[in-house]
Amino acid sequence: MVGALVTVFLNINLGFCVDILIVGNTI
């Protein structure tokens, strides 16, 4: 259970970082 929560948390953080990179590149 804990491992699954950690992976989901990391996936959300990675997606957030990718969104920032995409927005930064478009600007």
C-alpha atoms as a PDB file:
ATOM      1  CA  MET A   1       0.000   0.000   0.000  1.00  0.00           C
ATOM      2  CA  VAL A   2       2.704   2.468   1.000  1.00  0.00           C
ATOM      3  CA  GLY A   3       4.739   1.709  -2.126  1.00  0.00           C
ATOM      4  CA  ALA A   4       1.710   2.354  -4.329  1.00  0.00           C
ATOM      5  CA  LEU A   5       1.053   5.688  -2.611  1.00  0.00           C
ATOM      6  CA  VAL A   6       4.700   6.699  -3.060  1.00  0.00           C
ATOM      7  CA  THR A   7       4.662   5.830  -6.768  1.00  0.00           C
ATOM      8  CA  VAL A   8       1.448   7.816  -7.291  1.00  0.00           C
ATOM      9  CA  PHE A   9       2.944  10.770  -5.392  1.00  0.00           C
ATOM     10  CA  LEU A  10       6.120  10.648  -7.512  1.00  0.00           C
ATOM     11  CA  ASN A  11       4.085  10.374 -10.730  1.00  0.00           C
ATOM     12  CA  ILE A  12       2.087  13.487  -9.783  1.00  0.00           C
ATOM     13  CA  ASN A  13       5.300  15.382  -8.977  1.00  0.00           C
ATOM     14  CA  LEU A  14       6.939  14.307 -12.266  1.00  0.00           C
ATOM     15  CA  GLY A  15       3.846  15.334 -14.234  1.00  0.00           C
ATOM     16  CA  PHE A  16       3.845  18.700 -12.448  1.00  0.00           C
ATOM     17  CA  CYS A  17       7.528  19.258 -13.299  1.00  0.00           C
ATOM     18  CA  VAL A  18       6.916  18.303 -16.943  1.00  0.00           C
ATOM     19  CA  ASP A  19       4.001  20.778 -17.107  1.00  0.00           C
ATOM     20  CA  ILE A  20       6.303  23.532 -15.785  1.00  0.00           C
ATOM     21  CA  LEU A  21       8.941  22.656 -18.410  1.00  0.00           C
ATOM     22  CA  ILE A  22       6.349  22.687 -21.220  1.00  0.00           C
ATOM     23  CA  VAL A  23       4.924  26.044 -20.088  1.00  0.00           C
ATOM     24  CA  GLY A  24       8.449  27.460 -19.749  1.00  0.00           C
ATOM     25  CA  ASN A  25       9.308  26.330 -23.283  1.00  0.00           C
ATOM     26  CA  THR A  26       6.110  27.819 -24.757  1.00  0.00           C
ATOM     27  CA  ILE A  27       6.834  31.162 -23.083  1.00  0.00           C
END
